[in-house]
């Protein structure tokens, strides 16, 4: 069996991986009306039935024309 080589010296800064910073996701992108990360409650305008769980807000951009945003019961929202 072969023996493993052991490295006893610490890694030099040139060998250490560089710190990577990812760009922050902007809260609102200019030109984008619907946020794909936000979930909203909707109802079917043809039947009047409310969907039982939230869907991505991007579904309201014309992909499903029969869906409409359920109005909020909170004041000012």
PDB file of N, CA and C in Angstrom:
ATOM      1  N   UNK A   1       0.814  -1.182   0.000  1.00  0.00           N
ATOM      2  CA  UNK A   1       0.000   0.000   0.000  1.00  0.00           C
ATOM      3  C   UNK A   1       0.863   1.253   0.000  1.00  0.00           C
ATOM      4  N   UNK A   2       0.410   2.225  -0.707  1.00  0.00           N
ATOM      5  CA  UNK A   2       1.143   3.484  -0.762  1.00  0.00           C
ATOM      6  C   UNK A   2       0.746   4.362   0.412  1.00  0.00           C
ATOM      7  N   UNK A   3       1.700   5.097   0.910  1.00  0.00           N
ATOM      8  CA  UNK A   3       1.407   6.010   2.015  1.00  0.00           C
ATOM      9  C   UNK A   3       1.010   7.369   1.450  1.00  0.00           C
ATOM     10  N   UNK A   4       0.163   8.046   2.196  1.00  0.00           N
ATOM     11  CA  UNK A   4      -0.301   9.367   1.742  1.00  0.00           C
ATOM     12  C   UNK A   4       0.724  10.429   2.106  1.00  0.00           C
ATOM     13  N   UNK A   5       0.878  11.396   1.241  1.00  0.00           N
ATOM     14  CA  UNK A   5       1.745  12.534   1.543  1.00  0.00           C
ATOM     15  C   UNK A   5       0.962  13.496   2.429  1.00  0.00           C
ATOM     16  N   UNK A   6       1.583  13.911   3.496  1.00  0.00           N
ATOM     17  CA  UNK A   6       0.943  14.852   4.395  1.00  0.00           C
ATOM     18  C   UNK A   6       1.547  16.227   4.201  1.00  0.00           C
ATOM     19  N   UNK A   7       0.680  17.221   4.120  1.00  0.00           N
ATOM     20  CA  UNK A   7       1.134  18.594   3.986  1.00  0.00           C
ATOM     21  C   UNK A   7       1.046  19.229   5.357  1.00  0.00           C
ATOM     22  N   UNK A   8       2.157  19.745   5.825  1.00  0.00           N
ATOM     23  CA  UNK A   8       2.178  20.329   7.158  1.00  0.00           C
ATOM     24  C   UNK A   8       2.249  21.846   7.128  1.00  0.00           C
ATOM     25  N   UNK A   9       2.527  22.432   5.948  1.00  0.00           N
ATOM     26  CA  UNK A   9       2.615  23.881   5.858  1.00  0.00           C
ATOM     27  C   UNK A   9       1.208  24.469   5.697  1.00  0.00           C
ATOM     28  N   UNK A  10       0.959  25.647   6.254  1.00  0.00           N
ATOM     29  CA  UNK A  10      -0.340  26.288   6.038  1.00  0.00           C
ATOM     30  C   UNK A  10      -0.440  26.810   4.606  1.00  0.00           C
ATOM     31  N   UNK A  11      -1.649  26.950   4.134  1.00  0.00           N
ATOM     32  CA  UNK A  11      -1.856  27.446   2.777  1.00  0.00           C
ATOM     33  C   UNK A  11      -1.447  28.905   2.698  1.00  0.00           C
ATOM     34  N   UNK A  12      -0.771  29.244   1.634  1.00  0.00           N
ATOM     35  CA  UNK A  12      -0.371  30.635   1.450  1.00  0.00           C
ATOM     36  C   UNK A  12      -1.554  31.409   0.877  1.00  0.00           C
ATOM     37  N   UNK A  13      -1.564  32.714   1.047  1.00  0.00           N
ATOM     38  CA  UNK A  13      -2.696  33.497   0.527  1.00  0.00           C
ATOM     39  C   UNK A  13      -2.916  33.334  -0.973  1.00  0.00           C
ATOM     40  N   UNK A  14      -1.877  33.049  -1.724  1.00  0.00           N
ATOM     41  CA  UNK A  14      -2.055  32.884  -3.167  1.00  0.00           C
ATOM     42  C   UNK A  14      -2.788  31.578  -3.484  1.00  0.00           C
ATOM     43  N   UNK A  15      -2.693  30.590  -2.578  1.00  0.00           N
ATOM     44  CA  UNK A  15      -3.366  29.319  -2.799  1.00  0.00           C
ATOM     45  C   UNK A  15      -4.768  29.289  -2.207  1.00  0.00           C
ATOM     46  N   UNK A  16      -5.062  30.197  -1.286  1.00  0.00           N
ATOM     47  CA  UNK A  16      -6.375  30.225  -0.627  1.00  0.00           C
ATOM     48  C   UNK A  16      -7.424  30.716  -1.630  1.00  0.00           C
ATOM     49  N   UNK A  17      -8.642  30.158  -1.566  1.00  0.00           N
ATOM     50  CA  UNK A  17      -9.685  30.599  -2.496  1.00  0.00           C
ATOM     51  C   UNK A  17     -10.108  32.034  -2.194  1.00  0.00           C
ATOM     52  N   UNK A  18     -10.362  32.784  -3.232  1.00  0.00           N
ATOM     53  CA  UNK A  18     -10.781  34.170  -3.078  1.00  0.00           C
ATOM     54  C   UNK A  18     -12.230  34.221  -2.597  1.00  0.00           C
ATOM     55  N   UNK A  19     -12.539  35.201  -1.784  1.00  0.00           N
ATOM     56  CA  UNK A  19     -13.909  35.357  -1.285  1.00  0.00           C
ATOM     57  C   UNK A  19     -14.794  35.832  -2.433  1.00  0.00           C
ATOM     58  N   UNK A  20     -15.910  35.168  -2.599  1.00  0.00           N
ATOM     59  CA  UNK A  20     -16.829  35.511  -3.682  1.00  0.00           C
ATOM     60  C   UNK A  20     -18.059  36.167  -3.083  1.00  0.00           C
ATOM     61  N   UNK A  21     -18.399  37.326  -3.599  1.00  0.00           N
ATOM     62  CA  UNK A  21     -19.615  37.996  -3.149  1.00  0.00           C
ATOM     63  C   UNK A  21     -20.588  38.009  -4.312  1.00  0.00           C
ATOM     64  N   UNK A  22     -21.798  37.563  -4.041  1.00  0.00           N
ATOM     65  CA  UNK A  22     -22.824  37.536  -5.077  1.00  0.00           C
ATOM     66  C   UNK A  22     -23.586  38.849  -5.071  1.00  0.00           C
ATOM     67  N   UNK A  23     -24.050  39.291  -6.222  1.00  0.00           N
ATOM     68  CA  UNK A  23     -24.809  40.543  -6.251  1.00  0.00           C
ATOM     69  C   UNK A  23     -26.138  40.380  -5.532  1.00  0.00           C
ATOM     70  N   UNK A  24     -26.561  41.434  -4.886  1.00  0.00           N
ATOM     71  CA  UNK A  24     -27.838  41.409  -4.162  1.00  0.00           C
ATOM     72  C   UNK A  24     -28.992  41.431  -5.153  1.00  0.00           C
ATOM     73  N   UNK A  25     -30.065  40.737  -4.807  1.00  0.00           N
ATOM     74  CA  UNK A  25     -31.252  40.730  -5.659  1.00  0.00           C
ATOM     75  C   UNK A  25     -32.034  42.011  -5.380  1.00  0.00           C
ATOM     76  N   UNK A  26     -32.262  42.818  -6.388  1.00  0.00           N
ATOM     77  CA  UNK A  26     -32.979  44.071  -6.145  1.00  0.00           C
ATOM     78  C   UNK A  26     -34.432  43.816  -5.768  1.00  0.00           C
ATOM     79  N   UNK A  27     -34.967  44.687  -4.923  1.00  0.00           N
ATOM     80  CA  UNK A  27     -36.357  44.540  -4.505  1.00  0.00           C
ATOM     81  C   UNK A  27     -37.309  44.763  -5.682  1.00  0.00           C
ATOM     82  N   UNK A  28     -37.019  45.728  -6.501  1.00  0.00           N
ATOM     83  CA  UNK A  28     -37.883  46.009  -7.632  1.00  0.00           C
ATOM     84  C   UNK A  28     -37.012  46.300  -8.850  1.00  0.00           C
ATOM     85  N   UNK A  29     -37.239  45.590  -9.907  1.00  0.00           N
ATOM     86  CA  UNK A  29     -36.503  45.795 -11.137  1.00  0.00           C
ATOM     87  C   UNK A  29     -37.343  46.686 -12.041  1.00  0.00           C
ATOM     88  N   UNK A  30     -36.714  47.706 -12.584  1.00  0.00           N
ATOM     89  CA  UNK A  30     -37.439  48.622 -13.445  1.00  0.00           C
ATOM     90  C   UNK A  30     -37.926  47.885 -14.685  1.00  0.00           C
ATOM     91  N   UNK A  31     -39.185  48.024 -14.991  1.00  0.00           N
ATOM     92  CA  UNK A  31     -39.766  47.366 -16.153  1.00  0.00           C
ATOM     93  C   UNK A  31     -40.415  46.035 -15.826  1.00  0.00           C
ATOM     94  N   UNK A  32     -40.274  45.549 -14.595  1.00  0.00           N
ATOM     95  CA  UNK A  32     -40.911  44.299 -14.218  1.00  0.00           C
ATOM     96  C   UNK A  32     -42.027  44.615 -13.236  1.00  0.00           C
ATOM     97  N   UNK A  33     -43.240  44.287 -13.609  1.00  0.00           N
ATOM     98  CA  UNK A  33     -44.401  44.631 -12.800  1.00  0.00           C
ATOM     99  C   UNK A  33     -44.670  43.581 -11.727  1.00  0.00           C
ATOM    100  N   UNK A  34     -44.445  42.313 -12.029  1.00  0.00           N
ATOM    101  CA  UNK A  34     -44.763  41.220 -11.110  1.00  0.00           C
ATOM    102  C   UNK A  34     -43.496  40.534 -10.639  1.00  0.00           C
ATOM    103  N   UNK A  35     -43.429  40.294  -9.331  1.00  0.00           N
ATOM    104  CA  UNK A  35     -42.268  39.667  -8.709  1.00  0.00           C
ATOM    105  C   UNK A  35     -42.456  38.150  -8.709  1.00  0.00           C
ATOM    106  N   UNK A  36     -41.546  37.361  -9.298  1.00  0.00           N
ATOM    107  CA  UNK A  36     -41.713  35.905  -9.340  1.00  0.00           C
ATOM    108  C   UNK A  36     -41.549  35.239  -7.981  1.00  0.00           C
ATOM    109  N   UNK A  37     -40.984  35.963  -6.991  1.00  0.00           N
ATOM    110  CA  UNK A  37     -40.789  35.383  -5.658  1.00  0.00           C
ATOM    111  C   UNK A  37     -41.993  35.578  -4.749  1.00  0.00           C
ATOM    112  N   UNK A  38     -42.902  36.462  -5.147  1.00  0.00           N
ATOM    113  CA  UNK A  38     -44.044  36.786  -4.289  1.00  0.00           C
ATOM    114  C   UNK A  38     -45.230  35.890  -4.629  1.00  0.00           C
ATOM    115  N   UNK A  39     -45.876  35.339  -3.592  1.00  0.00           N
ATOM    116  CA  UNK A  39     -47.064  34.516  -3.779  1.00  0.00           C
ATOM    117  C   UNK A  39     -48.296  35.327  -3.391  1.00  0.00           C
ATOM    118  N   UNK A  40     -49.349  35.232  -4.202  1.00  0.00           N
ATOM    119  CA  UNK A  40     -50.573  35.984  -3.956  1.00  0.00           C
ATOM    120  C   UNK A  40     -51.770  35.057  -4.065  1.00  0.00           C
ATOM    121  N   UNK A  41     -52.848  35.434  -3.408  1.00  0.00           N
ATOM    122  CA  UNK A  41     -54.096  34.683  -3.501  1.00  0.00           C
ATOM    123  C   UNK A  41     -54.907  35.242  -4.660  1.00  0.00           C
ATOM    124  N   UNK A  42     -55.492  34.349  -5.450  1.00  0.00           N
ATOM    125  CA  UNK A  42     -56.254  34.764  -6.625  1.00  0.00           C
ATOM    126  C   UNK A  42     -57.593  34.033  -6.663  1.00  0.00           C
ATOM    127  N   UNK A  43     -58.478  34.549  -7.510  1.00  0.00           N
ATOM    128  CA  UNK A  43     -59.747  33.867  -7.745  1.00  0.00           C
ATOM    129  C   UNK A  43     -60.004  33.794  -9.240  1.00  0.00           C
ATOM    130  N   UNK A  44     -60.828  32.845  -9.637  1.00  0.00           N
ATOM    131  CA  UNK A  44     -61.175  32.622 -11.030  1.00  0.00           C
ATOM    132  C   UNK A  44     -62.349  33.536 -11.365  1.00  0.00           C
ATOM    133  N   UNK A  45     -62.177  34.428 -12.332  1.00  0.00           N
ATOM    134  CA  UNK A  45     -63.241  35.371 -12.675  1.00  0.00           C
ATOM    135  C   UNK A  45     -64.389  34.700 -13.419  1.00  0.00           C
ATOM    136  N   UNK A  46     -64.132  33.565 -14.062  1.00  0.00           N
ATOM    137  CA  UNK A  46     -65.186  32.868 -14.799  1.00  0.00           C
ATOM    138  C   UNK A  46     -66.144  32.146 -13.859  1.00  0.00           C
ATOM    139  N   UNK A  47     -65.605  31.510 -12.818  1.00  0.00           N
ATOM    140  CA  UNK A  47     -66.445  30.755 -11.893  1.00  0.00           C
ATOM    141  C   UNK A  47     -66.682  31.480 -10.580  1.00  0.00           C
ATOM    142  N   UNK A  48     -65.808  32.437 -10.226  1.00  0.00           N
ATOM    143  CA  UNK A  48     -65.920  33.151  -8.969  1.00  0.00           C
ATOM    144  C   UNK A  48     -65.311  32.408  -7.800  1.00  0.00           C
ATOM    145  N   UNK A  49     -64.683  31.240  -8.041  1.00  0.00           N
ATOM    146  CA  UNK A  49     -64.083  30.436  -6.972  1.00  0.00           C
ATOM    147  C   UNK A  49     -62.686  30.949  -6.647  1.00  0.00           C
ATOM    148  N   UNK A  50     -62.396  31.010  -5.341  1.00  0.00           N
ATOM    149  CA  UNK A  50     -61.065  31.398  -4.883  1.00  0.00           C
ATOM    150  C   UNK A  50     -60.176  30.161  -4.862  1.00  0.00           C
ATOM    151  N   UNK A  51     -58.935  30.291  -5.365  1.00  0.00           N
ATOM    152  CA  UNK A  51     -57.987  29.184  -5.303  1.00  0.00           C
ATOM    153  C   UNK A  51     -57.563  28.988  -3.858  1.00  0.00           C
ATOM    154  N   UNK A  52     -57.385  27.741  -3.451  1.00  0.00           N
ATOM    155  CA  UNK A  52     -57.141  27.437  -2.044  1.00  0.00           C
ATOM    156  C   UNK A  52     -55.714  27.721  -1.581  1.00  0.00           C
ATOM    157  N   UNK A  53     -54.781  27.948  -2.472  1.00  0.00           N
ATOM    158  CA  UNK A  53     -53.415  28.258  -2.065  1.00  0.00           C
ATOM    159  C   UNK A  53     -52.859  29.366  -2.962  1.00  0.00           C
ATOM    160  N   UNK A  54     -51.846  30.085  -2.469  1.00  0.00           N
ATOM    161  CA  UNK A  54     -51.295  31.197  -3.254  1.00  0.00           C
ATOM    162  C   UNK A  54     -50.514  30.703  -4.470  1.00  0.00           C
ATOM    163  N   UNK A  55     -50.451  31.567  -5.470  1.00  0.00           N
ATOM    164  CA  UNK A  55     -49.732  31.267  -6.712  1.00  0.00           C
ATOM    165  C   UNK A  55     -48.695  32.377  -6.933  1.00  0.00           C
ATOM    166  N   UNK A  56     -47.669  32.138  -7.762  1.00  0.00           N
ATOM    167  CA  UNK A  56     -46.696  33.203  -8.053  1.00  0.00           C
ATOM    168  C   UNK A  56     -47.381  34.403  -8.696  1.00  0.00           C
ATOM    169  N   UNK A  57     -46.925  35.582  -8.333  1.00  0.00           N
ATOM    170  CA  UNK A  57     -47.521  36.820  -8.845  1.00  0.00           C
ATOM    171  C   UNK A  57     -47.365  36.938 -10.362  1.00  0.00           C
ATOM    172  N   UNK A  58     -46.380  36.250 -10.940  1.00  0.00           N
ATOM    173  CA  UNK A  58     -46.166  36.319 -12.386  1.00  0.00           C
ATOM    174  C   UNK A  58     -47.322  35.693 -13.164  1.00  0.00           C
ATOM    175  N   UNK A  59     -48.163  34.882 -12.501  1.00  0.00           N
ATOM    176  CA  UNK A  59     -49.312  34.294 -13.187  1.00  0.00           C
ATOM    177  C   UNK A  59     -50.325  35.368 -13.591  1.00  0.00           C
ATOM    178  N   UNK A  60     -50.227  36.542 -12.996  1.00  0.00           N
ATOM    179  CA  UNK A  60     -51.172  37.620 -13.297  1.00  0.00           C
ATOM    180  C   UNK A  60     -50.708  38.508 -14.447  1.00  0.00           C
ATOM    181  N   UNK A  61     -49.571  38.184 -15.075  1.00  0.00           N
ATOM    182  CA  UNK A  61     -49.049  39.029 -16.151  1.00  0.00           C
ATOM    183  C   UNK A  61     -49.641  38.709 -17.519  1.00  0.00           C
ATOM    184  N   UNK A  62     -50.711  37.955 -17.558  1.00  0.00           N
ATOM    185  CA  UNK A  62     -51.364  37.639 -18.823  1.00  0.00           C
ATOM    186  C   UNK A  62     -51.303  36.166 -19.173  1.00  0.00           C
ATOM    187  N   UNK A  63     -50.607  35.374 -18.388  1.00  0.00           N
ATOM    188  CA  UNK A  63     -50.525  33.937 -18.667  1.00  0.00           C
ATOM    189  C   UNK A  63     -51.868  33.262 -18.438  1.00  0.00           C
ATOM    190  N   UNK A  64     -52.554  33.699 -17.407  1.00  0.00           N
ATOM    191  CA  UNK A  64     -53.862  33.144 -17.074  1.00  0.00           C
ATOM    192  C   UNK A  64     -54.839  34.314 -16.975  1.00  0.00           C
ATOM    193  N   UNK A  65     -55.472  34.687 -18.086  1.00  0.00           N
ATOM    194  CA  UNK A  65     -56.321  35.889 -18.083  1.00  0.00           C
ATOM    195  C   UNK A  65     -57.567  35.763 -17.218  1.00  0.00           C
ATOM    196  N   UNK A  66     -57.968  34.553 -16.872  1.00  0.00           N
ATOM    197  CA  UNK A  66     -59.171  34.379 -16.060  1.00  0.00           C
ATOM    198  C   UNK A  66     -58.895  34.496 -14.565  1.00  0.00           C
ATOM    199  N   UNK A  67     -57.623  34.686 -14.161  1.00  0.00           N
ATOM    200  CA  UNK A  67     -57.295  34.846 -12.747  1.00  0.00           C
ATOM    201  C   UNK A  67     -57.204  36.318 -12.388  1.00  0.00           C
ATOM    202  N   UNK A  68     -57.669  36.647 -11.189  1.00  0.00           N
ATOM    203  CA  UNK A  68     -57.615  38.017 -10.710  1.00  0.00           C
ATOM    204  C   UNK A  68     -57.175  38.008  -9.248  1.00  0.00           C
ATOM    205  N   UNK A  69     -56.518  39.066  -8.835  1.00  0.00           N
ATOM    206  CA  UNK A  69     -56.016  39.184  -7.484  1.00  0.00           C
ATOM    207  C   UNK A  69     -57.170  39.308  -6.496  1.00  0.00           C
ATOM    208  N   UNK A  70     -57.133  38.521  -5.416  1.00  0.00           N
ATOM    209  CA  UNK A  70     -58.152  38.613  -4.378  1.00  0.00           C
ATOM    210  C   UNK A  70     -57.909  39.885  -3.576  1.00  0.00           C
ATOM    211  N   UNK A  71     -58.930  40.720  -3.395  1.00  0.00           N
ATOM    212  CA  UNK A  71     -58.727  41.960  -2.642  1.00  0.00           C
ATOM    213  C   UNK A  71     -58.392  41.664  -1.183  1.00  0.00           C
ATOM    214  N   UNK A  72     -57.551  42.507  -0.603  1.00  0.00           N
ATOM    215  CA  UNK A  72     -57.124  42.341   0.783  1.00  0.00           C
ATOM    216  C   UNK A  72     -58.216  42.828   1.728  1.00  0.00           C
ATOM    217  N   UNK A  73     -58.327  42.168   2.867  1.00  0.00           N
ATOM    218  CA  UNK A  73     -59.304  42.593   3.873  1.00  0.00           C
ATOM    219  C   UNK A  73     -58.698  43.614   4.825  1.00  0.00           C
ATOM    220  N   UNK A  74     -57.380  43.796   4.783  1.00  0.00           N
ATOM    221  CA  UNK A  74     -56.722  44.743   5.663  1.00  0.00           C
ATOM    222  C   UNK A  74     -56.877  46.162   5.102  1.00  0.00           C
ATOM    223  N   UNK A  75     -57.028  47.112   6.002  1.00  0.00           N
ATOM    224  CA  UNK A  75     -57.163  48.509   5.593  1.00  0.00           C
ATOM    225  C   UNK A  75     -55.831  49.015   5.068  1.00  0.00           C
ATOM    226  N   UNK A  76     -55.861  49.714   3.953  1.00  0.00           N
ATOM    227  CA  UNK A  76     -54.659  50.311   3.396  1.00  0.00           C
ATOM    228  C   UNK A  76     -53.800  49.376   2.576  1.00  0.00           C
ATOM    229  N   UNK A  77     -54.180  48.172   2.357  1.00  0.00           N
ATOM    230  CA  UNK A  77     -53.370  47.227   1.579  1.00  0.00           C
ATOM    231  C   UNK A  77     -53.967  46.990   0.226  1.00  0.00           C
TER     232      UNK A  77
END
